[in-house]
N, C-alpha and C. Protein backbone atom coordinates (compact mmCIF):
# COMPACT_ATOMS: atom_id res chain seq x y z
N UNK A 1 0.84 -1.17 0.00
CA UNK A 1 0.00 0.00 0.00
C UNK A 1 0.88 1.23 0.00
N UNK A 2 0.55 2.19 -0.78
CA UNK A 2 1.28 3.44 -0.78
C UNK A 2 0.35 4.54 -0.28
N UNK A 3 0.79 5.26 0.70
CA UNK A 3 -0.02 6.35 1.21
C UNK A 3 0.35 7.62 0.46
N UNK A 4 -0.40 8.68 0.68
CA UNK A 4 -0.09 9.97 0.06
C UNK A 4 1.31 10.40 0.48
N UNK A 5 1.68 10.14 1.72
CA UNK A 5 3.00 10.51 2.19
C UNK A 5 4.07 9.76 1.42
N UNK A 6 3.84 8.48 1.11
CA UNK A 6 4.82 7.69 0.37
C UNK A 6 5.05 8.29 -1.01
N UNK A 7 4.01 8.82 -1.63
CA UNK A 7 4.16 9.41 -2.95
C UNK A 7 4.94 10.72 -2.92
N UNK A 8 5.09 11.31 -1.73
CA UNK A 8 5.84 12.55 -1.65
C UNK A 8 7.28 12.31 -1.21
N UNK A 9 7.70 11.06 -1.14
CA UNK A 9 9.11 10.79 -0.94
C UNK A 9 9.49 10.10 0.35
N UNK A 10 8.57 9.87 1.29
CA UNK A 10 8.94 9.13 2.49
C UNK A 10 8.62 7.66 2.28
N UNK A 11 8.92 6.84 3.27
CA UNK A 11 8.75 5.39 3.15
C UNK A 11 7.28 5.01 3.05
N UNK A 12 6.96 3.98 2.24
CA UNK A 12 5.58 3.50 2.20
C UNK A 12 5.19 2.89 3.54
N UNK A 13 3.90 2.94 3.83
CA UNK A 13 3.38 2.32 5.04
C UNK A 13 3.38 0.81 4.86
N UNK A 14 3.85 0.11 5.88
CA UNK A 14 3.86 -1.35 5.81
C UNK A 14 3.16 -1.93 7.03
N UNK A 15 2.39 -2.94 6.77
CA UNK A 15 1.72 -3.64 7.87
C UNK A 15 2.75 -4.53 8.55
N UNK A 16 2.85 -4.52 9.90
CA UNK A 16 3.87 -5.30 10.59
C UNK A 16 3.67 -6.81 10.49
N UNK A 17 2.49 -7.26 10.16
CA UNK A 17 2.26 -8.70 10.01
C UNK A 17 1.27 -8.93 8.88
N UNK A 18 1.25 -10.14 8.39
CA UNK A 18 0.37 -10.44 7.27
C UNK A 18 -1.09 -10.48 7.72
N UNK A 19 -1.96 -10.35 6.75
CA UNK A 19 -3.41 -10.42 7.03
C UNK A 19 -3.78 -11.78 7.60
N UNK A 20 -3.22 -12.84 7.05
CA UNK A 20 -3.57 -14.17 7.55
C UNK A 20 -3.09 -14.35 8.99
N UNK A 21 -1.92 -13.80 9.33
CA UNK A 21 -1.45 -13.87 10.72
C UNK A 21 -2.41 -13.11 11.63
N UNK A 22 -2.87 -11.94 11.20
CA UNK A 22 -3.80 -11.15 12.00
C UNK A 22 -5.10 -11.91 12.21
N UNK A 23 -5.59 -12.56 11.17
CA UNK A 23 -6.84 -13.35 11.30
C UNK A 23 -6.67 -14.43 12.36
N UNK A 24 -5.54 -15.15 12.31
CA UNK A 24 -5.30 -16.24 13.25
C UNK A 24 -5.17 -15.69 14.68
N UNK A 25 -4.38 -14.62 14.85
CA UNK A 25 -4.17 -14.04 16.19
C UNK A 25 -5.45 -13.51 16.80
N UNK A 26 -6.26 -12.84 16.01
CA UNK A 26 -7.49 -12.25 16.52
C UNK A 26 -8.58 -13.28 16.78
N UNK A 27 -8.61 -14.33 15.97
CA UNK A 27 -9.73 -15.26 16.02
C UNK A 27 -9.93 -15.89 17.40
N UNK A 28 -8.89 -16.42 18.01
CA UNK A 28 -9.04 -17.15 19.29
C UNK A 28 -9.76 -16.35 20.37
N UNK A 29 -9.26 -15.17 20.71
CA UNK A 29 -9.96 -14.37 21.73
C UNK A 29 -11.37 -13.96 21.30
N UNK A 30 -11.55 -13.68 20.01
CA UNK A 30 -12.88 -13.30 19.53
C UNK A 30 -13.84 -14.49 19.53
N UNK A 31 -13.32 -15.70 19.33
CA UNK A 31 -14.17 -16.90 19.39
C UNK A 31 -14.75 -17.06 20.79
N UNK A 32 -13.98 -16.70 21.82
CA UNK A 32 -14.50 -16.77 23.19
C UNK A 32 -15.70 -15.83 23.34
N UNK A 33 -15.57 -14.61 22.83
CA UNK A 33 -16.68 -13.65 22.89
C UNK A 33 -17.86 -14.15 22.07
N UNK A 34 -17.56 -14.63 20.85
CA UNK A 34 -18.62 -15.13 19.96
C UNK A 34 -19.40 -16.27 20.62
N UNK A 35 -18.69 -17.14 21.31
CA UNK A 35 -19.37 -18.27 21.95
C UNK A 35 -20.19 -17.83 23.17
N UNK A 36 -19.75 -16.80 23.88
CA UNK A 36 -20.58 -16.24 24.97
C UNK A 36 -21.86 -15.65 24.37
N UNK A 37 -21.71 -14.92 23.26
CA UNK A 37 -22.89 -14.36 22.58
C UNK A 37 -23.82 -15.48 22.13
N UNK A 38 -23.26 -16.55 21.56
CA UNK A 38 -24.08 -17.67 21.07
C UNK A 38 -24.86 -18.29 22.22
N UNK A 39 -24.22 -18.45 23.37
CA UNK A 39 -24.92 -18.99 24.54
C UNK A 39 -26.06 -18.07 24.96
N UNK A 40 -25.81 -16.76 24.98
CA UNK A 40 -26.84 -15.80 25.39
C UNK A 40 -28.01 -15.79 24.42
N UNK A 41 -27.73 -15.96 23.13
CA UNK A 41 -28.77 -15.87 22.10
C UNK A 41 -29.34 -17.23 21.71
N UNK A 42 -28.78 -18.31 22.27
CA UNK A 42 -29.28 -19.65 21.96
C UNK A 42 -28.97 -20.09 20.55
N UNK A 43 -27.81 -19.69 20.03
CA UNK A 43 -27.40 -20.08 18.68
C UNK A 43 -26.20 -21.02 18.75
N UNK A 44 -25.83 -21.55 17.60
CA UNK A 44 -24.72 -22.49 17.52
C UNK A 44 -23.40 -21.80 17.84
N UNK A 45 -22.53 -22.52 18.57
CA UNK A 45 -21.22 -21.97 18.92
C UNK A 45 -20.24 -22.16 17.76
N UNK A 46 -19.05 -21.56 17.93
CA UNK A 46 -18.03 -21.57 16.89
C UNK A 46 -16.80 -22.34 17.36
N UNK A 47 -16.03 -22.91 16.42
CA UNK A 47 -14.80 -23.61 16.78
C UNK A 47 -13.81 -22.67 17.49
N UNK A 48 -12.90 -23.26 18.24
CA UNK A 48 -11.91 -22.48 18.99
C UNK A 48 -10.80 -21.92 18.10
N UNK A 49 -10.61 -22.50 16.91
CA UNK A 49 -9.52 -22.05 16.04
C UNK A 49 -10.07 -21.59 14.69
N UNK A 50 -9.31 -20.74 14.03
CA UNK A 50 -9.70 -20.28 12.70
C UNK A 50 -9.74 -21.45 11.72
N UNK A 51 -8.80 -22.39 11.84
CA UNK A 51 -8.83 -23.58 10.98
C UNK A 51 -10.15 -24.33 11.14
N UNK A 52 -10.65 -24.41 12.38
CA UNK A 52 -11.93 -25.06 12.62
C UNK A 52 -13.07 -24.32 11.96
N UNK A 53 -13.05 -22.98 12.01
CA UNK A 53 -14.10 -22.20 11.34
C UNK A 53 -14.03 -22.38 9.83
N UNK A 54 -12.82 -22.42 9.28
CA UNK A 54 -12.66 -22.63 7.84
C UNK A 54 -13.25 -23.97 7.43
N UNK A 55 -13.09 -25.00 8.26
CA UNK A 55 -13.68 -26.31 7.98
C UNK A 55 -15.21 -26.24 8.00
N UNK A 56 -15.77 -25.52 8.97
CA UNK A 56 -17.23 -25.35 9.05
C UNK A 56 -17.72 -24.62 7.80
N UNK A 57 -17.00 -23.59 7.41
CA UNK A 57 -17.37 -22.84 6.20
C UNK A 57 -17.32 -23.74 4.97
N UNK A 58 -16.27 -24.55 4.85
CA UNK A 58 -16.13 -25.44 3.69
C UNK A 58 -17.28 -26.42 3.62
N UNK A 59 -17.69 -26.94 4.77
CA UNK A 59 -18.82 -27.88 4.80
C UNK A 59 -20.11 -27.21 4.32
N UNK A 60 -20.19 -25.89 4.45
CA UNK A 60 -21.37 -25.13 4.00
C UNK A 60 -21.18 -24.56 2.59
N UNK A 61 -20.08 -24.95 1.91
CA UNK A 61 -19.84 -24.47 0.55
C UNK A 61 -19.20 -23.10 0.48
N UNK A 62 -18.63 -22.63 1.58
CA UNK A 62 -17.98 -21.32 1.63
C UNK A 62 -16.46 -21.54 1.62
N UNK A 63 -15.84 -21.30 0.46
CA UNK A 63 -14.42 -21.63 0.29
C UNK A 63 -13.51 -20.42 0.07
N UNK A 64 -14.09 -19.24 -0.19
CA UNK A 64 -13.26 -18.07 -0.53
C UNK A 64 -12.99 -17.22 0.71
N UNK A 65 -11.70 -17.02 1.08
CA UNK A 65 -11.37 -16.12 2.20
C UNK A 65 -11.89 -14.71 1.91
N UNK A 66 -12.25 -13.98 2.96
CA UNK A 66 -12.92 -12.70 2.78
C UNK A 66 -12.18 -11.45 3.24
N UNK A 67 -10.95 -11.50 3.73
CA UNK A 67 -10.29 -10.24 4.09
C UNK A 67 -10.20 -9.31 2.88
N UNK A 68 -10.34 -8.02 3.13
CA UNK A 68 -10.41 -7.04 2.05
C UNK A 68 -9.48 -5.88 2.31
N UNK A 69 -8.83 -5.39 1.26
CA UNK A 69 -8.12 -4.12 1.30
C UNK A 69 -9.09 -3.11 0.70
N UNK A 70 -9.54 -2.16 1.50
CA UNK A 70 -10.58 -1.23 1.08
C UNK A 70 -9.98 0.16 0.87
N UNK A 71 -10.14 0.70 -0.33
CA UNK A 71 -9.64 2.03 -0.65
C UNK A 71 -10.80 2.92 -1.07
N UNK A 72 -10.81 4.12 -0.51
CA UNK A 72 -11.82 5.12 -0.85
C UNK A 72 -11.11 6.42 -1.18
N UNK A 73 -11.55 7.08 -2.26
CA UNK A 73 -11.02 8.38 -2.65
C UNK A 73 -12.10 9.43 -2.38
N UNK A 74 -11.76 10.70 -2.59
CA UNK A 74 -12.71 11.79 -2.36
C UNK A 74 -14.04 11.47 -3.03
N UNK A 75 -15.11 11.61 -2.28
CA UNK A 75 -16.46 11.30 -2.77
C UNK A 75 -16.87 9.87 -2.52
N UNK A 76 -15.93 9.00 -2.16
CA UNK A 76 -16.24 7.59 -1.91
C UNK A 76 -16.83 7.36 -0.53
N UNK A 77 -17.64 6.34 -0.41
CA UNK A 77 -18.28 5.97 0.86
C UNK A 77 -18.69 4.52 0.75
N UNK A 78 -19.20 3.96 1.85
CA UNK A 78 -19.72 2.60 1.84
C UNK A 78 -21.05 2.64 2.58
N UNK A 79 -22.12 2.28 1.90
CA UNK A 79 -23.47 2.27 2.49
C UNK A 79 -23.52 1.30 3.66
N UNK A 80 -24.47 1.50 4.55
CA UNK A 80 -24.66 0.60 5.68
C UNK A 80 -24.97 -0.80 5.16
N UNK A 81 -24.31 -1.81 5.72
CA UNK A 81 -24.47 -3.18 5.26
C UNK A 81 -24.04 -4.17 6.34
N UNK A 82 -24.18 -5.44 6.05
CA UNK A 82 -23.67 -6.55 6.85
C UNK A 82 -22.86 -7.44 5.92
N UNK A 83 -21.70 -7.91 6.39
CA UNK A 83 -20.85 -8.77 5.57
C UNK A 83 -21.24 -10.23 5.77
N UNK A 84 -22.29 -10.65 5.07
CA UNK A 84 -22.79 -12.01 5.14
C UNK A 84 -22.58 -12.66 3.78
N UNK A 85 -21.83 -13.75 3.73
CA UNK A 85 -21.47 -14.36 2.45
C UNK A 85 -21.89 -15.81 2.33
N UNK A 86 -22.84 -16.23 3.12
CA UNK A 86 -23.30 -17.61 3.09
C UNK A 86 -23.96 -17.95 4.41
N UNK A 87 -24.24 -19.23 4.60
CA UNK A 87 -24.95 -19.69 5.80
C UNK A 87 -24.15 -19.46 7.08
N UNK A 88 -22.82 -19.65 7.02
CA UNK A 88 -21.96 -19.48 8.19
C UNK A 88 -21.48 -18.04 8.25
N UNK A 89 -21.69 -17.39 9.39
CA UNK A 89 -21.24 -16.01 9.58
C UNK A 89 -20.70 -15.85 10.99
N UNK A 90 -19.41 -15.64 11.12
CA UNK A 90 -18.81 -15.37 12.42
C UNK A 90 -19.31 -14.00 12.88
N UNK A 91 -19.68 -13.83 14.15
CA UNK A 91 -20.38 -12.61 14.57
C UNK A 91 -19.53 -11.36 14.78
N UNK A 92 -18.22 -11.48 14.67
CA UNK A 92 -17.36 -10.31 14.87
C UNK A 92 -16.40 -10.16 13.69
N UNK A 93 -16.02 -8.93 13.41
CA UNK A 93 -15.02 -8.66 12.38
C UNK A 93 -14.22 -7.45 12.81
N UNK A 94 -13.18 -7.13 12.04
CA UNK A 94 -12.29 -6.02 12.40
C UNK A 94 -11.95 -5.21 11.17
N UNK A 95 -11.65 -3.95 11.41
CA UNK A 95 -11.06 -3.11 10.37
C UNK A 95 -9.83 -2.45 10.98
N UNK A 96 -8.76 -2.37 10.22
CA UNK A 96 -7.52 -1.75 10.68
C UNK A 96 -7.22 -0.58 9.74
N UNK A 97 -7.04 0.60 10.32
CA UNK A 97 -6.77 1.80 9.54
C UNK A 97 -5.30 1.79 9.09
N UNK A 98 -5.09 1.85 7.79
CA UNK A 98 -3.74 1.87 7.24
C UNK A 98 -3.30 3.27 6.83
N UNK A 99 -4.22 4.18 6.65
CA UNK A 99 -3.91 5.56 6.30
C UNK A 99 -3.91 6.44 7.55
N UNK A 100 -3.38 7.65 7.40
CA UNK A 100 -3.35 8.60 8.51
C UNK A 100 -4.44 9.66 8.31
N UNK A 101 -5.47 9.65 9.15
CA UNK A 101 -6.51 10.68 9.03
C UNK A 101 -5.91 12.08 9.16
N UNK A 102 -6.47 13.01 8.42
CA UNK A 102 -6.04 14.41 8.38
C UNK A 102 -4.71 14.61 7.66
N UNK A 103 -3.97 13.55 7.39
CA UNK A 103 -2.75 13.64 6.57
C UNK A 103 -3.02 13.04 5.19
N UNK A 104 -3.52 11.81 5.17
CA UNK A 104 -3.79 11.10 3.91
C UNK A 104 -5.20 11.35 3.39
N UNK A 105 -6.14 11.64 4.29
CA UNK A 105 -7.53 11.84 3.89
C UNK A 105 -8.28 12.61 4.97
N UNK A 106 -9.44 13.15 4.61
CA UNK A 106 -10.38 13.72 5.57
C UNK A 106 -11.73 13.08 5.35
N UNK A 107 -12.58 13.09 6.41
CA UNK A 107 -13.87 12.40 6.34
C UNK A 107 -13.64 10.92 6.53
N UNK A 108 -14.52 10.10 5.94
CA UNK A 108 -14.32 8.65 5.92
C UNK A 108 -14.35 7.97 7.28
N UNK A 109 -15.21 8.42 8.18
CA UNK A 109 -15.32 7.77 9.49
C UNK A 109 -16.08 6.46 9.38
N UNK A 110 -15.79 5.55 10.29
CA UNK A 110 -16.56 4.30 10.40
C UNK A 110 -17.90 4.62 11.05
N UNK A 111 -18.97 4.12 10.46
CA UNK A 111 -20.31 4.35 10.99
C UNK A 111 -20.93 3.00 11.33
N UNK A 112 -21.39 2.86 12.56
CA UNK A 112 -22.08 1.66 13.01
C UNK A 112 -23.49 2.07 13.43
N UNK A 113 -24.47 1.29 13.03
CA UNK A 113 -25.85 1.61 13.38
C UNK A 113 -26.48 0.39 14.05
N UNK A 114 -26.98 0.62 15.26
CA UNK A 114 -27.69 -0.40 16.02
C UNK A 114 -29.17 -0.22 15.72
N UNK A 115 -29.79 -1.26 15.16
CA UNK A 115 -31.20 -1.21 14.80
C UNK A 115 -32.01 -1.86 15.91
N UNK A 116 -32.44 -1.04 16.84
CA UNK A 116 -33.12 -1.52 18.04
C UNK A 116 -34.60 -1.80 17.77
N UNK A 117 -35.10 -2.94 18.25
CA UNK A 117 -36.52 -3.25 18.05
C UNK A 117 -37.42 -2.22 18.73
N UNK A 118 -38.46 -1.81 18.02
CA UNK A 118 -39.45 -0.87 18.54
C UNK A 118 -38.83 0.42 19.07
N UNK A 119 -37.73 0.85 18.45
CA UNK A 119 -37.07 2.10 18.85
C UNK A 119 -36.32 2.66 17.64
N UNK A 120 -35.88 3.90 17.76
CA UNK A 120 -35.09 4.52 16.70
C UNK A 120 -33.72 3.85 16.61
N UNK A 121 -33.18 3.80 15.41
CA UNK A 121 -31.82 3.28 15.22
C UNK A 121 -30.83 4.22 15.90
N UNK A 122 -29.74 3.66 16.38
CA UNK A 122 -28.74 4.46 17.09
C UNK A 122 -27.40 4.37 16.36
N UNK A 123 -26.89 5.49 15.81
CA UNK A 123 -25.61 5.48 15.13
C UNK A 123 -24.45 5.72 16.10
N UNK A 124 -23.31 5.16 15.75
CA UNK A 124 -22.05 5.43 16.45
C UNK A 124 -21.02 5.70 15.36
N UNK A 125 -20.24 6.75 15.54
CA UNK A 125 -19.19 7.08 14.58
C UNK A 125 -17.85 6.86 15.25
N UNK A 126 -16.96 6.12 14.59
CA UNK A 126 -15.64 5.82 15.13
C UNK A 126 -14.58 6.36 14.18
N UNK A 127 -13.69 7.16 14.72
CA UNK A 127 -12.61 7.74 13.93
C UNK A 127 -11.31 7.09 14.40
N UNK A 128 -10.73 6.27 13.56
CA UNK A 128 -9.52 5.53 13.91
C UNK A 128 -8.27 6.29 13.48
N UNK A 129 -7.19 6.13 14.23
CA UNK A 129 -5.88 6.61 13.82
C UNK A 129 -5.15 5.52 13.06
N UNK A 130 -4.09 5.89 12.36
CA UNK A 130 -3.30 4.88 11.62
C UNK A 130 -2.85 3.78 12.58
N UNK A 131 -3.08 2.53 12.15
CA UNK A 131 -2.68 1.38 12.95
C UNK A 131 -3.70 0.94 13.98
N UNK A 132 -4.74 1.72 14.19
CA UNK A 132 -5.77 1.32 15.16
C UNK A 132 -6.77 0.38 14.50
N UNK A 133 -7.33 -0.50 15.33
CA UNK A 133 -8.33 -1.47 14.86
C UNK A 133 -9.66 -1.20 15.53
N UNK A 134 -10.71 -1.55 14.83
CA UNK A 134 -12.07 -1.47 15.36
C UNK A 134 -12.67 -2.86 15.23
N UNK A 135 -13.13 -3.42 16.34
CA UNK A 135 -13.84 -4.70 16.34
C UNK A 135 -15.32 -4.39 16.44
N UNK A 136 -16.13 -5.06 15.61
CA UNK A 136 -17.56 -4.77 15.62
C UNK A 136 -18.36 -5.98 15.15
N UNK A 137 -19.67 -5.99 15.50
CA UNK A 137 -20.51 -7.13 15.11
C UNK A 137 -20.73 -7.20 13.60
N UNK A 138 -20.74 -8.41 13.08
CA UNK A 138 -20.99 -8.64 11.66
C UNK A 138 -22.48 -8.53 11.33
N UNK A 139 -23.32 -9.07 12.18
CA UNK A 139 -24.76 -9.13 11.90
C UNK A 139 -25.58 -8.58 13.06
N UNK A 140 -25.37 -9.10 14.25
CA UNK A 140 -26.14 -8.68 15.41
C UNK A 140 -25.32 -8.93 16.67
N UNK A 141 -25.86 -8.47 17.80
CA UNK A 141 -25.19 -8.68 19.08
C UNK A 141 -26.24 -8.78 20.18
N UNK A 142 -25.90 -9.43 21.29
CA UNK A 142 -26.86 -9.49 22.40
C UNK A 142 -26.81 -8.21 23.23
N UNK A 143 -27.97 -7.77 23.67
CA UNK A 143 -28.06 -6.65 24.61
C UNK A 143 -29.02 -7.07 25.72
N UNK A 144 -28.82 -6.57 26.93
CA UNK A 144 -29.72 -6.95 28.02
C UNK A 144 -31.16 -6.50 27.73
N UNK A 145 -32.10 -7.37 28.02
CA UNK A 145 -33.52 -7.08 27.88
C UNK A 145 -34.24 -7.39 29.17
N UNK A 146 -35.50 -7.04 29.25
CA UNK A 146 -36.28 -7.29 30.48
C UNK A 146 -36.40 -8.78 30.79
N UNK A 147 -36.41 -9.62 29.74
CA UNK A 147 -36.55 -11.06 29.93
C UNK A 147 -35.30 -11.82 29.51
N UNK A 148 -34.16 -11.18 29.66
CA UNK A 148 -32.90 -11.79 29.26
C UNK A 148 -32.34 -11.14 28.01
N UNK A 149 -31.21 -11.63 27.52
CA UNK A 149 -30.57 -11.01 26.37
C UNK A 149 -31.46 -11.04 25.13
N UNK A 150 -31.42 -9.97 24.37
CA UNK A 150 -32.15 -9.93 23.10
C UNK A 150 -31.17 -9.61 21.98
N UNK A 151 -31.56 -9.99 20.78
CA UNK A 151 -30.73 -9.81 19.58
C UNK A 151 -31.00 -8.43 18.98
N UNK A 152 -29.92 -7.66 18.74
CA UNK A 152 -30.03 -6.35 18.12
C UNK A 152 -29.21 -6.36 16.83
N UNK A 153 -29.85 -6.04 15.72
CA UNK A 153 -29.17 -6.02 14.41
C UNK A 153 -28.22 -4.84 14.33
N UNK A 154 -27.08 -5.07 13.70
CA UNK A 154 -26.07 -4.04 13.49
C UNK A 154 -25.75 -3.94 12.01
N UNK A 155 -25.49 -2.74 11.55
CA UNK A 155 -24.99 -2.50 10.20
C UNK A 155 -23.81 -1.55 10.32
N UNK A 156 -22.93 -1.60 9.33
CA UNK A 156 -21.77 -0.72 9.35
C UNK A 156 -21.51 -0.16 7.96
N UNK A 157 -20.78 0.93 7.90
CA UNK A 157 -20.43 1.56 6.63
C UNK A 157 -19.33 2.58 6.86
N UNK A 158 -19.10 3.40 5.85
CA UNK A 158 -18.07 4.44 5.91
C UNK A 158 -18.68 5.73 5.40
N UNK A 159 -18.52 6.82 6.16
CA UNK A 159 -19.03 8.12 5.72
C UNK A 159 -18.19 8.61 4.53
N UNK A 160 -18.68 9.62 3.84
CA UNK A 160 -18.02 10.13 2.64
C UNK A 160 -16.62 10.64 2.95
N UNK A 161 -15.67 10.23 2.11
CA UNK A 161 -14.30 10.76 2.18
C UNK A 161 -14.33 12.12 1.49
N UNK A 162 -13.82 13.14 2.18
CA UNK A 162 -13.85 14.50 1.62
C UNK A 162 -12.64 14.81 0.75
N UNK A 163 -11.48 14.28 1.14
CA UNK A 163 -10.27 14.52 0.35
C UNK A 163 -9.28 13.38 0.58
N UNK A 164 -8.39 13.17 -0.38
CA UNK A 164 -7.32 12.19 -0.23
C UNK A 164 -7.77 10.76 -0.48
N UNK A 165 -7.00 9.84 0.09
CA UNK A 165 -7.23 8.40 -0.07
C UNK A 165 -7.21 7.72 1.28
N UNK A 166 -8.26 6.96 1.57
CA UNK A 166 -8.42 6.22 2.83
C UNK A 166 -8.26 4.74 2.53
N UNK A 167 -7.34 4.06 3.23
CA UNK A 167 -7.14 2.63 3.02
C UNK A 167 -7.23 1.90 4.36
N UNK A 168 -8.02 0.83 4.38
CA UNK A 168 -8.14 -0.01 5.56
C UNK A 168 -8.05 -1.47 5.17
N UNK A 169 -7.73 -2.28 6.15
CA UNK A 169 -7.77 -3.73 5.99
C UNK A 169 -9.00 -4.22 6.72
N UNK A 170 -9.89 -4.89 6.01
CA UNK A 170 -11.08 -5.48 6.62
C UNK A 170 -10.83 -6.95 6.87
N UNK A 171 -10.98 -7.38 8.12
CA UNK A 171 -10.75 -8.78 8.47
C UNK A 171 -12.09 -9.41 8.85
N UNK A 172 -12.56 -10.26 7.96
CA UNK A 172 -13.80 -11.01 8.15
C UNK A 172 -13.37 -12.46 8.31
N UNK A 173 -13.86 -13.13 9.32
CA UNK A 173 -13.32 -14.45 9.65
C UNK A 173 -13.97 -15.59 8.88
N UNK A 174 -15.25 -15.47 8.54
CA UNK A 174 -15.90 -16.54 7.78
C UNK A 174 -15.59 -16.39 6.29
N UNK A 175 -15.59 -17.49 5.58
CA UNK A 175 -15.35 -17.49 4.14
C UNK A 175 -16.64 -17.26 3.37
N UNK A 176 -16.49 -16.88 2.11
CA UNK A 176 -17.63 -16.64 1.23
C UNK A 176 -17.88 -17.86 0.35
N UNK A 177 -19.13 -17.93 -0.19
CA UNK A 177 -19.46 -19.01 -1.12
C UNK A 177 -18.68 -18.87 -2.40
C-alpha cells in the first residue's frame, strides 16, 4: 500500500504482520466472545480455532477467504451493510486503519448503526488513527432485555471521504461461497 506521504518521498506504510497472521491471532480471543454471545442468544457456537471455522465454512460451501483491502477516494463511501457471504457467519469482524486521518484523507469515518426493536436506530461514529483497529458485530449482538438477552441487528459503513485516499484492511473471519 502506498499512502499519500509515500508518494511525496517518504517510506511507504507497511503492515507489521500479514493479514492471515492477523486473522489467526485475533480469532481465538474473539471466538470466546462469539461463543458467549451464542450462549446468550441460543445459537450455535463456533470452533476455537480459525482452521476449525474454515472447515465449518467449507462444509457449508464457503471456500473463498474474505479479508479485504478497502480504498476510498474523495467522494467515496460505503453504504450501511452486513458482511454475510453464506450460511456461516462469524459474529465479529475487524477493520484496521492503514492511512493517517487528516494527513492522507479527511472524512471517511466508520459508521455503526444499532437497529433496536421498537425504537429509533442508534448510530455510532468511530474515527480511527493509523494502525488502530475497530472490532464490531458482523450481523447482530446481544443486549440486556427485560426477559434476558435480546438480539439487536447491526450495520456498518463508511461516511463520505472528503479529500485524499483512505485505506483499511477489513478482516472477516468466515469465508464466502
